[in-house]
N, C-alpha and C. Protein backbone atom coordinates (compact mmCIF):
# COMPACT_ATOMS: atom_id res chain seq x y z
N UNK A 1 18.70 5.30 -2.78
CA UNK A 1 19.28 4.28 -3.57
C UNK A 1 21.01 4.43 -3.31
N UNK A 2 21.70 3.46 -2.80
CA UNK A 2 23.12 3.31 -2.61
C UNK A 2 23.77 2.87 -4.09
N UNK A 3 24.80 3.69 -4.85
CA UNK A 3 25.56 3.37 -6.13
C UNK A 3 26.84 2.24 -5.63
N UNK A 4 27.07 1.42 -5.81
CA UNK A 4 28.21 0.48 -5.90
C UNK A 4 29.25 1.68 -6.54
N UNK A 5 30.17 2.64 -6.06
CA UNK A 5 30.90 2.96 -6.79
C UNK A 5 32.44 2.50 -6.52
N UNK A 6 33.45 2.07 -7.35
CA UNK A 6 35.10 2.23 -6.84
C UNK A 6 35.10 3.11 -6.26
N UNK A 7 36.22 2.94 -5.13
CA UNK A 7 36.33 3.85 -4.00
C UNK A 7 37.21 4.79 -4.37
N UNK A 8 36.71 6.08 -3.92
CA UNK A 8 37.31 7.36 -4.52
C UNK A 8 37.62 7.94 -5.49
N UNK A 9 36.15 7.22 -6.63
CA UNK A 9 36.17 7.30 -7.97
C UNK A 9 34.57 7.30 -8.36
N UNK A 10 34.11 8.31 -9.24
CA UNK A 10 33.00 8.37 -9.81
C UNK A 10 32.52 7.77 -10.90
N UNK A 11 32.49 6.00 -10.18
CA UNK A 11 32.27 4.95 -11.38
C UNK A 11 32.36 4.07 -10.73
N UNK A 12 31.27 2.96 -11.23
CA UNK A 12 30.73 1.73 -10.87
C UNK A 12 32.16 0.97 -10.63
N UNK A 13 31.70 -0.05 -9.97
CA UNK A 13 32.63 -1.32 -9.88
C UNK A 13 32.47 -2.00 -10.89
N UNK A 14 33.37 -2.64 -11.35
CA UNK A 14 33.29 -3.68 -12.25
C UNK A 14 32.64 -4.79 -12.17
N UNK A 15 32.78 -5.34 -11.14
CA UNK A 15 32.07 -6.38 -10.23
C UNK A 15 31.34 -6.44 -8.95
N UNK A 16 29.93 -7.06 -8.90
CA UNK A 16 29.83 -7.00 -7.71
C UNK A 16 29.01 -8.33 -7.14
N UNK A 17 29.80 -8.82 -6.17
CA UNK A 17 29.45 -10.02 -5.45
C UNK A 17 28.29 -10.23 -4.67
N UNK A 18 27.52 -10.73 -4.26
CA UNK A 18 26.25 -10.84 -3.63
C UNK A 18 26.35 -10.72 -2.06
N UNK A 19 27.68 -11.08 -1.50
CA UNK A 19 28.27 -10.50 -0.40
C UNK A 19 28.48 -9.54 -0.11
N UNK A 20 29.13 -8.71 -0.94
CA UNK A 20 29.45 -7.17 -0.91
C UNK A 20 28.04 -6.44 -0.83
N UNK A 21 27.29 -6.56 -2.13
CA UNK A 21 26.32 -5.90 -1.84
C UNK A 21 25.39 -5.90 -0.68
N UNK A 22 25.22 -7.31 -0.09
CA UNK A 22 24.32 -7.61 1.35
C UNK A 22 25.06 -6.92 2.38
N UNK A 23 26.54 -6.93 2.20
CA UNK A 23 27.18 -6.23 3.63
C UNK A 23 26.71 -4.62 3.31
N UNK A 24 26.67 -4.27 2.60
CA UNK A 24 26.48 -2.72 2.40
C UNK A 24 24.72 -2.58 3.02
N UNK A 25 24.13 -3.54 2.13
CA UNK A 25 22.58 -3.65 2.95
C UNK A 25 22.71 -3.94 4.61
N UNK A 26 23.25 -4.92 5.13
CA UNK A 26 23.13 -4.67 6.59
C UNK A 26 23.67 -3.86 7.42
N UNK A 27 25.12 -3.00 6.93
CA UNK A 27 25.63 -2.02 7.73
C UNK A 27 24.50 -1.13 7.57
N UNK A 28 23.98 -0.48 6.11
CA UNK A 28 22.81 0.55 5.88
C UNK A 28 21.63 0.29 7.28
N UNK A 29 21.02 -1.05 7.16
CA UNK A 29 20.40 -1.29 7.90
C UNK A 29 20.21 -0.95 9.37
N UNK A 30 21.15 -1.83 9.83
CA UNK A 30 21.66 -1.53 11.13
C UNK A 30 21.85 -0.33 11.55
N UNK A 31 22.33 0.67 11.01
CA UNK A 31 22.80 1.77 11.46
C UNK A 31 21.78 2.66 11.40
N UNK A 32 20.59 3.00 9.88
CA UNK A 32 19.54 3.32 10.27
C UNK A 32 18.39 3.04 11.20
N UNK A 33 18.25 1.86 11.70
CA UNK A 33 17.46 1.51 12.68
C UNK A 33 17.75 2.30 14.21
N UNK A 34 19.40 1.60 14.33
CA UNK A 34 20.10 2.46 15.26
C UNK A 34 19.88 3.67 15.61
N UNK A 35 19.94 4.67 14.60
CA UNK A 35 19.63 5.71 14.90
C UNK A 35 18.20 6.38 15.33
N UNK A 36 17.34 5.57 14.60
CA UNK A 36 16.09 6.35 14.85
C UNK A 36 15.17 5.36 15.86
N UNK A 37 14.72 5.42 16.81
CA UNK A 37 13.51 4.79 17.24
C UNK A 37 12.72 4.65 16.50
N UNK A 38 12.28 5.50 15.69
CA UNK A 38 10.70 6.01 15.43
C UNK A 38 10.50 5.16 13.92
N UNK A 39 11.62 5.19 13.35
CA UNK A 39 11.83 4.47 12.11
C UNK A 39 11.26 3.03 12.05
N UNK A 40 9.77 2.98 11.64
CA UNK A 40 9.40 1.59 11.31
C UNK A 40 9.60 0.92 10.14
N UNK A 41 10.00 1.30 9.29
CA UNK A 41 10.23 0.57 7.84
C UNK A 41 11.37 1.37 6.77
N UNK A 42 12.10 0.47 6.33
CA UNK A 42 13.14 1.35 5.26
C UNK A 42 13.39 -0.21 4.10
N UNK A 43 13.63 0.71 2.88
CA UNK A 43 13.82 0.29 1.93
C UNK A 43 15.24 0.67 1.29
N UNK A 44 16.05 -0.30 1.22
CA UNK A 44 17.25 -0.44 0.39
C UNK A 44 17.25 -0.85 -0.99
N UNK A 45 17.67 0.21 -1.43
CA UNK A 45 18.42 -0.02 -3.33
C UNK A 45 19.43 0.07 -3.34
N UNK A 46 20.24 -0.88 -3.89
CA UNK A 46 21.32 -0.85 -4.50
C UNK A 46 21.44 -0.88 -5.85
N UNK A 47 22.61 0.06 -6.15
CA UNK A 47 22.29 0.07 -7.65
C UNK A 47 23.47 0.25 -8.67
N UNK A 48 23.82 -0.73 -9.63
CA UNK A 48 24.99 -1.36 -10.43
C UNK A 48 24.54 -0.64 -11.41
N UNK A 49 25.59 -0.04 -12.39
CA UNK A 49 25.35 0.57 -13.80
C UNK A 49 23.98 0.87 -13.92
N UNK A 50 23.54 1.63 -13.39
CA UNK A 50 22.36 2.47 -13.40
C UNK A 50 20.97 1.47 -13.28
N UNK A 51 21.33 0.64 -12.55
CA UNK A 51 19.69 -0.77 -12.55
C UNK A 51 20.45 -0.84 -11.04
N UNK A 52 18.66 -1.24 -10.47
CA UNK A 52 19.06 -1.69 -9.26
C UNK A 52 19.21 -2.98 -9.69
N UNK A 53 19.90 -3.76 -8.48
CA UNK A 53 20.67 -4.85 -8.46
C UNK A 53 20.55 -4.91 -7.23
N UNK A 54 19.97 -4.92 -6.05
CA UNK A 54 19.55 -4.95 -4.88
C UNK A 54 18.43 -4.31 -4.48
N UNK A 55 17.12 -4.77 -3.93
CA UNK A 55 16.50 -4.16 -3.07
C UNK A 55 16.02 -5.06 -2.13
N UNK A 56 15.67 -4.13 -0.73
CA UNK A 56 15.05 -5.25 0.17
C UNK A 56 14.68 -3.94 1.31
N UNK A 57 13.41 -4.43 1.36
CA UNK A 57 12.32 -3.61 2.05
C UNK A 57 12.19 -4.49 3.46
N UNK A 58 12.61 -3.61 5.03
CA UNK A 58 12.90 -4.11 5.84
C UNK A 58 12.08 -3.47 6.57
N UNK A 59 11.22 -4.04 7.74
CA UNK A 59 10.05 -3.49 9.05
C UNK A 59 10.99 -3.57 10.27
N UNK A 60 10.96 -2.40 11.09
CA UNK A 60 11.32 -2.27 12.18
C UNK A 60 10.96 -3.74 13.38
N UNK A 61 9.64 -4.10 12.97
CA UNK A 61 10.22 -5.37 13.40
C UNK A 61 10.82 -6.95 12.98
N UNK A 62 10.78 -7.10 11.51
CA UNK A 62 11.68 -7.85 10.82
C UNK A 62 13.17 -8.16 11.83
N UNK A 63 13.46 -6.62 11.75
CA UNK A 63 14.88 -6.33 11.97
C UNK A 63 15.01 -6.46 13.86
N UNK A 64 13.96 -6.23 14.56
CA UNK A 64 14.19 -6.51 15.83
C UNK A 64 14.44 -7.72 16.17
N UNK A 65 13.44 -8.39 15.45
CA UNK A 65 12.63 -10.18 15.83
C UNK A 65 14.08 -11.10 15.13
N UNK A 66 14.43 -10.93 13.60
CA UNK A 66 15.21 -11.53 13.40
C UNK A 66 16.47 -10.80 12.45
N UNK A 67 16.91 -10.30 12.20
CA UNK A 67 17.79 -9.11 11.57
C UNK A 67 18.75 -8.25 11.95
N UNK A 68 18.54 -8.19 13.44
CA UNK A 68 19.82 -7.42 14.15
C UNK A 68 20.85 -7.86 14.45
N UNK A 69 21.10 -9.46 14.23
CA UNK A 69 22.41 -9.81 14.23
C UNK A 69 23.13 -10.70 13.22
N UNK A 70 22.89 -9.83 12.08
CA UNK A 70 23.48 -10.30 10.81
C UNK A 70 24.69 -9.83 10.69
N UNK A 71 24.78 -8.77 11.10
CA UNK A 71 26.34 -7.98 11.08
C UNK A 71 27.39 -8.62 12.24
N UNK A 72 26.39 -9.26 13.43
CA UNK A 72 27.55 -9.70 14.58
C UNK A 72 27.62 -10.83 13.81
N UNK A 73 26.51 -12.16 13.29
CA UNK A 73 27.08 -13.16 13.13
C UNK A 73 28.30 -13.23 11.97
N UNK A 74 27.90 -12.15 11.18
CA UNK A 74 29.26 -12.50 9.95
C UNK A 74 30.54 -12.03 10.81
N UNK A 75 30.45 -11.00 11.49
CA UNK A 75 31.39 -10.80 12.40
C UNK A 75 32.27 -12.18 13.33
N UNK A 76 31.50 -12.38 13.54
CA UNK A 76 31.88 -13.91 15.11
C UNK A 76 32.32 -14.72 13.85
N UNK A 77 31.99 -15.18 13.00
CA UNK A 77 32.44 -16.02 11.95
C UNK A 77 34.00 -15.65 11.55
N UNK A 78 33.79 -14.55 11.45
CA UNK A 78 35.68 -13.93 10.96
C UNK A 78 36.91 -14.70 12.09
N UNK A 79 36.17 -14.12 13.28
CA UNK A 79 37.18 -14.73 14.18
C UNK A 79 37.34 -16.18 14.39
N UNK A 80 36.63 -17.04 13.93
CA UNK A 80 36.66 -18.31 13.82
C UNK A 80 37.37 -19.01 12.75
N UNK A 81 37.08 -18.56 11.71
CA UNK A 81 38.04 -18.01 10.51
C UNK A 81 39.58 -18.13 11.07
N UNK A 82 39.72 -16.64 11.65
CA UNK A 82 41.27 -16.59 12.44
C UNK A 82 41.66 -17.48 12.81
N UNK A 83 41.23 -18.17 13.83
CA UNK A 83 41.01 -19.15 14.79
C UNK A 83 41.76 -20.20 13.69
N UNK A 84 41.06 -20.81 13.00
CA UNK A 84 41.53 -21.97 12.12
C UNK A 84 43.14 -22.06 11.27
N UNK A 85 43.02 -20.37 11.11
CA UNK A 85 44.15 -19.85 10.69
C UNK A 85 45.70 -20.21 11.50
N UNK A 86 45.44 -19.62 12.86
CA UNK A 86 46.24 -19.14 13.60
C UNK A 86 46.56 -21.11 14.29
N UNK A 87 46.05 -21.89 13.99
CA UNK A 87 45.96 -23.90 14.52
C UNK A 87 46.54 -24.24 13.50
N UNK A 88 46.63 -23.73 11.89
CA UNK A 88 47.00 -24.29 10.97
C UNK A 88 46.13 -25.18 10.29
N UNK A 89 44.55 -25.14 10.29
CA UNK A 89 43.98 -26.21 10.06
C UNK A 89 43.06 -25.49 8.63
N UNK A 90 43.79 -24.27 8.28
CA UNK A 90 43.47 -24.01 6.88
C UNK A 90 44.64 -23.12 6.53
N UNK A 91 44.79 -22.44 4.89
CA UNK A 91 45.77 -21.24 5.00
C UNK A 91 44.81 -20.62 4.70
N UNK A 92 45.74 -19.19 4.05
CA UNK A 92 44.58 -18.15 3.49
C UNK A 92 43.78 -18.38 2.37
N UNK A 93 43.85 -19.24 1.21
CA UNK A 93 43.00 -19.33 0.26
C UNK A 93 41.85 -19.79 0.98
N UNK A 94 41.76 -20.87 1.55
CA UNK A 94 40.63 -21.59 2.35
C UNK A 94 39.92 -21.16 3.15
N UNK A 95 40.85 -19.81 3.64
CA UNK A 95 39.85 -19.43 5.24
C UNK A 95 39.06 -18.24 4.18
N UNK A 96 39.79 -17.91 2.87
CA UNK A 96 39.07 -16.84 2.49
C UNK A 96 37.32 -17.49 1.87
N UNK A 97 38.05 -18.54 1.19
CA UNK A 97 36.68 -19.15 0.67
C UNK A 97 35.66 -19.46 1.59
N UNK A 98 35.96 -20.24 2.90
CA UNK A 98 35.20 -20.92 4.04
C UNK A 98 34.54 -19.46 4.09
N UNK A 99 35.23 -18.07 4.41
CA UNK A 99 34.75 -16.78 5.28
C UNK A 99 33.19 -16.45 3.88
N UNK A 100 33.51 -16.48 3.21
CA UNK A 100 32.58 -16.24 2.06
C UNK A 100 31.48 -17.19 1.68
N UNK A 101 31.93 -18.39 1.87
CA UNK A 101 30.64 -19.43 1.97
C UNK A 101 29.84 -19.08 3.08
N UNK A 102 30.41 -18.99 4.14
CA UNK A 102 29.35 -18.08 6.23
C UNK A 102 28.93 -17.33 5.42
N UNK A 103 29.33 -16.15 5.22
CA UNK A 103 28.75 -15.17 4.79
C UNK A 103 27.80 -14.84 3.46
N UNK A 104 27.73 -15.83 2.46
CA UNK A 104 26.46 -16.58 1.74
C UNK A 104 25.30 -16.89 2.38
N UNK A 105 25.96 -17.71 3.13
CA UNK A 105 24.76 -18.71 4.03
C UNK A 105 23.62 -17.66 5.11
N UNK A 106 24.87 -17.37 5.29
CA UNK A 106 24.31 -15.96 6.83
C UNK A 106 23.42 -15.08 5.81
N UNK A 107 23.77 -14.38 4.50
CA UNK A 107 22.99 -13.31 4.05
C UNK A 107 21.89 -14.11 3.65
N UNK A 108 21.98 -15.26 3.05
CA UNK A 108 20.78 -15.47 2.00
C UNK A 108 19.69 -16.31 2.88
N UNK A 109 20.05 -16.82 4.99
CA UNK A 109 19.14 -17.04 5.54
C UNK A 109 18.56 -15.72 5.77
N UNK A 110 19.18 -14.49 6.24
CA UNK A 110 18.48 -13.42 6.43
C UNK A 110 17.23 -12.91 5.02
N UNK A 111 17.41 -13.10 3.82
CA UNK A 111 16.90 -13.00 3.36
C UNK A 111 15.28 -14.06 3.50
N UNK A 112 15.85 -14.92 3.61
CA UNK A 112 14.89 -16.23 3.78
C UNK A 112 13.49 -15.68 4.60
N UNK A 113 13.94 -15.01 5.88
CA UNK A 113 13.36 -14.42 6.86
C UNK A 113 12.66 -13.64 6.45
N UNK A 114 12.63 -12.77 5.25
CA UNK A 114 11.40 -11.91 5.13
C UNK A 114 10.42 -12.38 4.02
N UNK A 115 9.38 -11.51 3.85
CA UNK A 115 8.46 -12.37 2.39
C UNK A 115 8.75 -11.97 1.43
N UNK A 116 8.94 -13.30 0.19
CA UNK A 116 9.74 -12.66 -1.48
C UNK A 116 9.15 -11.68 -1.58
N UNK A 117 8.40 -11.32 -1.51
CA UNK A 117 7.99 -9.87 -2.18
C UNK A 117 8.58 -8.66 -1.83
N UNK A 118 9.39 -8.79 -0.77
CA UNK A 118 9.94 -7.57 -0.24
C UNK A 118 11.37 -7.53 -0.26
N UNK A 119 12.01 -8.29 -1.31
CA UNK A 119 12.99 -8.45 -1.98
C UNK A 119 13.44 -8.65 -3.12
N UNK A 120 14.56 -8.43 -3.59
CA UNK A 120 14.97 -8.37 -5.20
C UNK A 120 16.28 -8.32 -5.11
N UNK A 121 16.89 -9.59 -5.89
CA UNK A 121 18.25 -9.68 -5.91
C UNK A 121 18.98 -10.08 -6.87
N UNK A 122 19.57 -9.42 -7.89
CA UNK A 122 20.04 -9.72 -9.31
C UNK A 122 20.84 -11.13 -9.19
N UNK A 123 20.35 -11.87 -10.50
CA UNK A 123 21.14 -12.71 -11.26
C UNK A 123 22.62 -11.99 -11.69
N UNK A 124 22.75 -11.04 -11.58
CA UNK A 124 23.99 -10.15 -12.05
C UNK A 124 25.52 -10.02 -10.71
N UNK A 125 24.43 -10.53 -9.59
CA UNK A 125 25.37 -10.55 -8.36
C UNK A 125 25.72 -11.83 -7.91
N UNK A 126 27.01 -12.01 -8.04
CA UNK A 126 27.60 -13.61 -7.79
C UNK A 126 27.40 -14.19 -6.73
N UNK A 127 27.30 -14.87 -6.45
CA UNK A 127 27.17 -16.06 -4.91
C UNK A 127 28.26 -16.83 -4.67
N UNK A 128 29.07 -17.01 -3.59
CA UNK A 128 29.96 -17.95 -3.64
C UNK A 128 29.16 -19.15 -2.91
N UNK A 129 29.73 -20.46 -3.59
CA UNK A 129 28.51 -21.57 -2.66
C UNK A 129 29.46 -22.36 -2.30
C-alpha cells in the first residue's frame, strides 16, 4: 500500500489528482518490473485518508506488451509542450493545462488496456478534461 502523504510530513495530502496518483502507479510498476524479471504480477494500492483510492493489478505480460512505455509517453509529451512554449504557441498556463490533459489521456488509455476488474479508481481523484 502506498500512502499519498505531504512531502516531509506524516499526514495525507489535502487533494489528490488522478494524474498524480497514476504517476506514482506508473513509476512503481516500472521500477518493480524492472528490478525483478521473476515478478509475474503486482498490485498497487494507493491510499488517501486511510482508504484505497487507486488499485491496479498488472501482470508482467500486460506490462511488457502495453504498459512499459507509459512513463516515456508522458515524458515525451512534456518535450512537445516545452517546444510549444519556446515557439510562443502557448503560455505557461496553457502549457500546464495541455500537459495535464495529455497525462489524463495517457493514463486513461493505460487503464483501458486492462480488464475492468483489475483496477479501481475512486471518484475522489480529480481528472483534468
